Amino acid sequence: MSRGYFFSLDGLDGAGKTTQCQLLAEWLRRQGYQVVMCRDPGGTPVGERLRELLLGGCEMDVITELLLFMASRAQLVAEVIRPALARGEIVVVDRFLLASVVYQGYAGGLPPERIWELGRWATGDTLPDVTFVLDLPAEQVSQRKARTADNFERRGLDFLRRVREGFLQEARRCRDKMIVVDATRTIAEVQADLQREVSLVLSRPSGA
């Protein structure tokens, strides 16, 4: 059986993650791959309950927030991601561990390196082959969003700027595992970049 592959898309809300995940999954299926698409937090019954708490405006300490994200993530890995990879499928996730490193770390004040450590433990070191950071200036978030702001967007522009800078800093630090994609362009242009980069990963010899 061929090995599975794990891709995540991250970035500020409004950058188009959900749309791009859906398009990427559809494209991969047309290439003949078995694909599982899910979201973090969420993706399981437990995770969806936690998502309601996290995004619904309930006030909580940043450490509580982090641990709830990790709980959802641990369940997603155990119930969905790890079994799919074991079957040789491709997993495409709307957000993953990098989001906590950035939102609760860079923007929330917790040490990013401790979050990475906790995340590796919570996921059993089940981490993406590649994370795509869809980069969008914080000032454009409100222009892109049609729905009501969630718990994180309500924290203001300065918070969102710290989030964006956190994404970019981590991408610079982990160039072999993270790729920044300019999300200010059209949906088709962004998707073309994602398809090109994913094709390069899938064409590597097994174990490379």
C-alpha atoms as a PDB file:
ATOM      1  CA  MET A   1       0.000   0.000   0.000  1.00  0.00           C
ATOM      2  CA  SER A   2       1.276   3.497  -0.845  1.00  0.00           C
ATOM      3  CA  ARG A   3       1.907   5.897   2.007  1.00  0.00           C
ATOM      4  CA  GLY A   4      -0.617   8.528   2.926  1.00  0.00           C
ATOM      5  CA  TYR A   5       0.043  12.254   2.729  1.00  0.00           C
ATOM      6  CA  PHE A   6      -1.066  14.976   5.098  1.00  0.00           C
ATOM      7  CA  PHE A   7      -1.566  18.604   3.998  1.00  0.00           C
ATOM      8  CA  SER A   8      -2.900  21.492   6.072  1.00  0.00           C
ATOM      9  CA  LEU A   9      -3.956  24.993   5.061  1.00  0.00           C
ATOM     10  CA  ASP A  10      -3.713  27.836   7.534  1.00  0.00           C
ATOM     11  CA  GLY A  11      -3.787  31.619   7.742  1.00  0.00           C
ATOM     12  CA  LEU A  12      -6.079  34.403   8.870  1.00  0.00           C
ATOM     13  CA  ASP A  13      -9.811  33.887   8.542  1.00  0.00           C
ATOM     14  CA  GLY A  14     -10.881  35.368   5.232  1.00  0.00           C
ATOM     15  CA  ALA A  15      -7.787  34.094   3.430  1.00  0.00           C
ATOM     16  CA  GLY A  16      -9.863  31.421   1.682  1.00  0.00           C
ATOM     17  CA  LYS A  17      -8.730  28.289   3.531  1.00  0.00           C
ATOM     18  CA  THR A  18     -12.041  26.455   3.416  1.00  0.00           C
ATOM     19  CA  THR A  19     -12.635  27.165  -0.272  1.00  0.00           C
ATOM     20  CA  GLN A  20      -9.080  26.192  -1.182  1.00  0.00           C
ATOM     21  CA  CYS A  21      -9.267  22.981   0.872  1.00  0.00           C
ATOM     22  CA  GLN A  22     -12.429  21.979  -0.956  1.00  0.00           C
ATOM     23  CA  LEU A  23     -10.974  22.748  -4.381  1.00  0.00           C
ATOM     24  CA  LEU A  24      -7.735  20.941  -3.592  1.00  0.00           C
ATOM     25  CA  ALA A  25      -9.582  17.848  -2.357  1.00  0.00           C
ATOM     26  CA  GLU A  26     -11.775  17.815  -5.476  1.00  0.00           C
ATOM     27  CA  TRP A  27      -8.714  18.142  -7.730  1.00  0.00           C
ATOM     28  CA  LEU A  28      -6.899  15.320  -5.939  1.00  0.00           C
ATOM     29  CA  ARG A  29      -9.937  13.060  -6.284  1.00  0.00           C
ATOM     30  CA  ARG A  30      -9.992  13.754 -10.015  1.00  0.00           C
ATOM     31  CA  GLN A  31      -6.366  12.582 -10.096  1.00  0.00           C
ATOM     32  CA  GLY A  32      -7.514   9.263  -8.641  1.00  0.00           C
ATOM     33  CA  TYR A  33      -6.539   9.750  -4.993  1.00  0.00           C
ATOM     34  CA  GLN A  34      -8.666   8.839  -2.000  1.00  0.00           C
ATOM     35  CA  VAL A  35      -9.010  12.049   0.000  1.00  0.00           C
ATOM     36  CA  VAL A  36     -10.253  12.859   3.492  1.00  0.00           C
ATOM     37  CA  MET A  37     -11.004  16.522   4.206  1.00  0.00           C
ATOM     38  CA  CYS A  38     -11.660  17.829   7.702  1.00  0.00           C
ATOM     39  CA  ARG A  39     -11.362  20.923   9.878  1.00  0.00           C
ATOM     40  CA  ASP A  40      -9.565  21.800  13.092  1.00  0.00           C
ATOM     41  CA  PRO A  41     -11.102  22.373  15.570  1.00  0.00           C
ATOM     42  CA  GLY A  42     -13.856  19.940  14.687  1.00  0.00           C
ATOM     43  CA  GLY A  43     -13.989  16.994  12.349  1.00  0.00           C
ATOM     44  CA  THR A  44     -15.366  14.577  14.976  1.00  0.00           C
ATOM     45  CA  PRO A  45     -18.425  14.676  17.261  1.00  0.00           C
ATOM     46  CA  VAL A  46     -16.208  15.620  20.212  1.00  0.00           C
ATOM     47  CA  GLY A  47     -14.312  18.176  18.134  1.00  0.00           C
ATOM     48  CA  GLU A  48     -17.465  19.868  16.877  1.00  0.00           C
ATOM     49  CA  ARG A  49     -18.703  20.350  20.443  1.00  0.00           C
ATOM     50  CA  LEU A  50     -15.356  21.882  21.381  1.00  0.00           C
ATOM     51  CA  ARG A  51     -15.471  24.095  18.285  1.00  0.00           C
ATOM     52  CA  GLU A  52     -18.762  25.591  19.471  1.00  0.00           C
ATOM     53  CA  LEU A  53     -17.131  26.508  22.779  1.00  0.00           C
ATOM     54  CA  LEU A  54     -13.967  27.910  21.220  1.00  0.00           C
ATOM     55  CA  LEU A  55     -15.497  30.045  18.485  1.00  0.00           C
ATOM     56  CA  GLY A  56     -18.802  30.942  20.109  1.00  0.00           C
ATOM     57  CA  GLY A  57     -17.628  33.857  22.206  1.00  0.00           C
ATOM     58  CA  CYS A  58     -17.228  32.085  25.540  1.00  0.00           C
ATOM     59  CA  GLU A  59     -14.569  33.957  27.540  1.00  0.00           C
ATOM     60  CA  MET A  60     -11.713  31.751  28.747  1.00  0.00           C
ATOM     61  CA  ASP A  61      -8.090  31.886  29.792  1.00  0.00           C
ATOM     62  CA  VAL A  62      -5.600  31.432  26.966  1.00  0.00           C
ATOM     63  CA  ILE A  63      -4.248  28.194  28.495  1.00  0.00           C
ATOM     64  CA  THR A  64      -7.776  26.781  28.731  1.00  0.00           C
ATOM     65  CA  GLU A  65      -8.282  27.796  25.110  1.00  0.00           C
ATOM     66  CA  LEU A  66      -5.066  26.066  24.051  1.00  0.00           C
ATOM     67  CA  LEU A  67      -5.911  22.833  25.865  1.00  0.00           C
ATOM     68  CA  LEU A  68      -9.375  22.694  24.297  1.00  0.00           C
ATOM     69  CA  PHE A  69      -7.833  23.102  20.844  1.00  0.00           C
ATOM     70  CA  MET A  70      -5.374  20.316  21.645  1.00  0.00           C
ATOM     71  CA  ALA A  71      -8.170  18.049  22.867  1.00  0.00           C
ATOM     72  CA  SER A  72     -10.079  18.509  19.624  1.00  0.00           C
ATOM     73  CA  ARG A  73      -6.885  17.942  17.632  1.00  0.00           C
ATOM     74  CA  ALA A  74      -5.979  14.773  19.532  1.00  0.00           C
ATOM     75  CA  GLN A  75      -9.423  13.316  18.828  1.00  0.00           C
ATOM     76  CA  LEU A  76      -9.233  14.300  15.147  1.00  0.00           C
ATOM     77  CA  VAL A  77      -5.878  12.556  14.759  1.00  0.00           C
ATOM     78  CA  ALA A  78      -7.022   9.397  16.568  1.00  0.00           C
ATOM     79  CA  GLU A  79     -10.413   9.125  14.881  1.00  0.00           C
ATOM     80  CA  VAL A  80      -9.827  10.488  11.375  1.00  0.00           C
ATOM     81  CA  ILE A  81      -6.307  11.481  10.345  1.00  0.00           C
ATOM     82  CA  ARG A  82      -4.167   8.570  11.508  1.00  0.00           C
ATOM     83  CA  PRO A  83      -6.583   5.880  10.177  1.00  0.00           C
ATOM     84  CA  ALA A  84      -6.769   7.644   6.790  1.00  0.00           C
ATOM     85  CA  LEU A  85      -2.974   7.854   6.521  1.00  0.00           C
ATOM     86  CA  ALA A  86      -2.717   4.174   7.463  1.00  0.00           C
ATOM     87  CA  ARG A  87      -5.034   3.393   4.532  1.00  0.00           C
ATOM     88  CA  GLY A  88      -2.712   5.301   2.187  1.00  0.00           C
ATOM     89  CA  GLU A  89      -5.133   8.195   1.686  1.00  0.00           C
ATOM     90  CA  ILE A  90      -4.474  11.924   1.422  1.00  0.00           C
ATOM     91  CA  VAL A  91      -5.655  14.097   4.286  1.00  0.00           C
ATOM     92  CA  VAL A  92      -6.420  17.793   3.724  1.00  0.00           C
ATOM     93  CA  VAL A  93      -7.114  19.772   6.913  1.00  0.00           C
ATOM     94  CA  ASP A  94      -8.461  23.293   7.316  1.00  0.00           C
ATOM     95  CA  ARG A  95      -6.042  24.451  10.089  1.00  0.00           C
ATOM     96  CA  PHE A  96      -3.874  22.336  12.372  1.00  0.00           C
ATOM     97  CA  LEU A  97      -1.211  22.702  15.070  1.00  0.00           C
ATOM     98  CA  LEU A  98       0.395  25.795  13.527  1.00  0.00           C
ATOM     99  CA  ALA A  99      -2.805  27.717  14.295  1.00  0.00           C
ATOM    100  CA  SER A 100      -2.323  27.219  18.042  1.00  0.00           C
ATOM    101  CA  VAL A 101       1.358  28.150  17.828  1.00  0.00           C
ATOM    102  CA  VAL A 102       0.314  31.428  16.226  1.00  0.00           C
ATOM    103  CA  TYR A 103      -3.004  32.328  17.891  1.00  0.00           C
ATOM    104  CA  GLN A 104      -2.244  31.249  21.462  1.00  0.00           C
ATOM    105  CA  GLY A 105       1.524  31.686  21.086  1.00  0.00           C
ATOM    106  CA  TYR A 106       2.607  34.679  19.032  1.00  0.00           C
ATOM    107  CA  ALA A 107      -0.670  36.575  19.485  1.00  0.00           C
ATOM    108  CA  GLY A 108      -1.791  35.144  22.834  1.00  0.00           C
ATOM    109  CA  GLY A 109       1.455  35.393  24.753  1.00  0.00           C
ATOM    110  CA  LEU A 110       2.265  31.722  25.360  1.00  0.00           C
ATOM    111  CA  PRO A 111       5.733  30.347  24.406  1.00  0.00           C
ATOM    112  CA  PRO A 112       5.499  28.977  20.821  1.00  0.00           C
ATOM    113  CA  GLU A 113       8.105  26.273  21.505  1.00  0.00           C
ATOM    114  CA  ARG A 114       6.034  24.907  24.410  1.00  0.00           C
ATOM    115  CA  ILE A 115       2.964  24.778  22.166  1.00  0.00           C
ATOM    116  CA  TRP A 116       4.893  22.805  19.538  1.00  0.00           C
ATOM    117  CA  GLU A 117       5.999  20.398  22.267  1.00  0.00           C
ATOM    118  CA  LEU A 118       2.472  19.968  23.607  1.00  0.00           C
ATOM    119  CA  GLY A 119       1.092  19.595  20.090  1.00  0.00           C
ATOM    120  CA  ARG A 120       3.538  16.882  19.146  1.00  0.00           C
ATOM    121  CA  TRP A 121       2.542  14.968  22.260  1.00  0.00           C
ATOM    122  CA  ALA A 122      -1.207  15.482  21.688  1.00  0.00           C
ATOM    123  CA  THR A 123      -0.995  14.304  18.069  1.00  0.00           C
ATOM    124  CA  GLY A 124       1.547  11.535  18.601  1.00  0.00           C
ATOM    125  CA  ASP A 125       3.848  13.406  16.209  1.00  0.00           C
ATOM    126  CA  THR A 126       1.234  13.148  13.456  1.00  0.00           C
ATOM    127  CA  LEU A 127       2.081  16.380  11.658  1.00  0.00           C
ATOM    128  CA  PRO A 128       1.479  17.618   8.087  1.00  0.00           C
ATOM    129  CA  ASP A 129       3.924  16.807   5.318  1.00  0.00           C
ATOM    130  CA  VAL A 130       3.382  20.406   4.210  1.00  0.00           C
ATOM    131  CA  THR A 131       1.456  23.322   5.692  1.00  0.00           C
ATOM    132  CA  PHE A 132       0.350  26.030   3.270  1.00  0.00           C
ATOM    133  CA  VAL A 133       0.095  29.467   4.870  1.00  0.00           C
ATOM    134  CA  LEU A 134      -2.415  31.551   2.934  1.00  0.00           C
ATOM    135  CA  ASP A 135      -1.072  35.033   3.579  1.00  0.00           C
ATOM    136  CA  LEU A 136      -3.491  37.942   3.799  1.00  0.00           C
ATOM    137  CA  PRO A 137      -2.904  41.380   5.366  1.00  0.00           C
ATOM    138  CA  ALA A 138      -4.852  41.752   8.608  1.00  0.00           C
ATOM    139  CA  GLU A 139      -6.522  44.879   7.254  1.00  0.00           C
ATOM    140  CA  GLN A 140      -8.269  42.813   4.578  1.00  0.00           C
ATOM    141  CA  VAL A 141      -9.952  40.372   6.957  1.00  0.00           C
ATOM    142  CA  SER A 142     -13.058  42.481   7.531  1.00  0.00           C
ATOM    143  CA  GLN A 143     -13.364  43.122   3.777  1.00  0.00           C
ATOM    144  CA  ARG A 144     -13.270  39.396   3.008  1.00  0.00           C
ATOM    145  CA  LYS A 145     -15.630  38.203   5.744  1.00  0.00           C
ATOM    146  CA  ALA A 146     -19.372  38.152   5.075  1.00  0.00           C
ATOM    147  CA  ARG A 147     -20.471  36.476   8.310  1.00  0.00           C
ATOM    148  CA  THR A 148     -20.379  37.669  11.922  1.00  0.00           C
ATOM    149  CA  ALA A 149     -16.897  37.823  13.453  1.00  0.00           C
ATOM    150  CA  ASP A 150     -15.913  34.860  15.621  1.00  0.00           C
ATOM    151  CA  ASN A 151     -14.237  34.913  19.032  1.00  0.00           C
ATOM    152  CA  PHE A 152     -10.780  35.583  17.549  1.00  0.00           C
ATOM    153  CA  GLU A 153     -11.706  38.200  14.959  1.00  0.00           C
ATOM    154  CA  ARG A 154     -13.384  40.263  17.695  1.00  0.00           C
ATOM    155  CA  ARG A 155      -9.984  40.736  19.374  1.00  0.00           C
ATOM    156  CA  GLY A 156      -9.096  43.516  17.001  1.00  0.00           C
ATOM    157  CA  LEU A 157      -6.670  44.517  14.288  1.00  0.00           C
ATOM    158  CA  ASP A 158      -3.531  44.495  16.439  1.00  0.00           C
ATOM    159  CA  PHE A 159      -4.264  40.903  17.459  1.00  0.00           C
ATOM    160  CA  LEU A 160      -4.739  39.889  13.819  1.00  0.00           C
ATOM    161  CA  ARG A 161      -1.473  41.600  12.867  1.00  0.00           C
ATOM    162  CA  ARG A 162       0.377  39.568  15.505  1.00  0.00           C
ATOM    163  CA  VAL A 163      -1.290  36.439  14.146  1.00  0.00           C
ATOM    164  CA  ARG A 164      -0.161  37.198  10.608  1.00  0.00           C
ATOM    165  CA  GLU A 165       3.402  37.934  11.691  1.00  0.00           C
ATOM    166  CA  GLY A 166       3.437  34.694  13.672  1.00  0.00           C
ATOM    167  CA  PHE A 167       2.455  32.715  10.587  1.00  0.00           C
ATOM    168  CA  LEU A 168       5.187  34.379   8.547  1.00  0.00           C
ATOM    169  CA  GLN A 169       7.851  33.894  11.223  1.00  0.00           C
ATOM    170  CA  GLU A 170       7.066  30.195  11.571  1.00  0.00           C
ATOM    171  CA  ALA A 171       7.062  29.778   7.790  1.00  0.00           C
ATOM    172  CA  ARG A 172      10.514  31.361   7.604  1.00  0.00           C
ATOM    173  CA  ARG A 173      11.735  29.097  10.393  1.00  0.00           C
ATOM    174  CA  CYS A 174      10.330  25.883   8.876  1.00  0.00           C
ATOM    175  CA  ARG A 175      10.918  26.368   5.155  1.00  0.00           C
ATOM    176  CA  ASP A 176      11.054  22.615   4.508  1.00  0.00           C
ATOM    177  CA  LYS A 177       7.546  22.071   5.922  1.00  0.00           C
ATOM    178  CA  MET A 178       5.708  25.350   5.304  1.00  0.00           C
ATOM    179  CA  ILE A 179       4.976  27.273   2.121  1.00  0.00           C
ATOM    180  CA  VAL A 180       3.572  30.818   2.048  1.00  0.00           C
ATOM    181  CA  VAL A 181       0.978  31.454  -0.662  1.00  0.00           C
ATOM    182  CA  ASP A 182      -0.199  34.970  -1.550  1.00  0.00           C
ATOM    183  CA  ALA A 183      -3.932  34.888  -0.751  1.00  0.00           C
ATOM    184  CA  THR A 184      -4.662  38.386  -2.087  1.00  0.00           C
ATOM    185  CA  ARG A 185      -4.944  36.952  -5.617  1.00  0.00           C
ATOM    186  CA  THR A 186      -7.877  35.213  -7.282  1.00  0.00           C
ATOM    187  CA  ILE A 187      -9.162  31.849  -6.082  1.00  0.00           C
ATOM    188  CA  ALA A 188      -7.927  30.228  -9.308  1.00  0.00           C
ATOM    189  CA  GLU A 189      -4.414  31.660  -8.964  1.00  0.00           C
ATOM    190  CA  VAL A 190      -4.094  30.486  -5.361  1.00  0.00           C
ATOM    191  CA  GLN A 191      -5.413  27.039  -6.249  1.00  0.00           C
ATOM    192  CA  ALA A 192      -2.946  26.718  -9.123  1.00  0.00           C
ATOM    193  CA  ASP A 193      -0.076  27.323  -6.701  1.00  0.00           C
ATOM    194  CA  LEU A 194      -1.424  24.742  -4.270  1.00  0.00           C
ATOM    195  CA  GLN A 195      -1.862  22.123  -6.983  1.00  0.00           C
ATOM    196  CA  ARG A 196       1.657  22.708  -8.253  1.00  0.00           C
ATOM    197  CA  GLU A 197       3.224  22.387  -4.799  1.00  0.00           C
ATOM    198  CA  VAL A 198       1.156  19.326  -3.869  1.00  0.00           C
ATOM    199  CA  SER A 199       2.112  17.653  -7.172  1.00  0.00           C
ATOM    200  CA  LEU A 200       5.793  18.147  -6.304  1.00  0.00           C
ATOM    201  CA  VAL A 201       5.305  16.460  -2.915  1.00  0.00           C
ATOM    202  CA  LEU A 202       3.359  13.540  -4.409  1.00  0.00           C
ATOM    203  CA  SER A 203       6.012  13.003  -7.086  1.00  0.00           C
ATOM    204  CA  ARG A 204       8.838  12.516  -4.583  1.00  0.00           C
ATOM    205  CA  PRO A 205      10.174   8.967  -4.213  1.00  0.00           C
ATOM    206  CA  SER A 206       8.761   7.103  -1.214  1.00  0.00           C
ATOM    207  CA  GLY A 207      10.677   8.044   1.936  1.00  0.00           C
ATOM    208  CA  ALA A 208      12.151  11.223   0.428  1.00  0.00           C
END
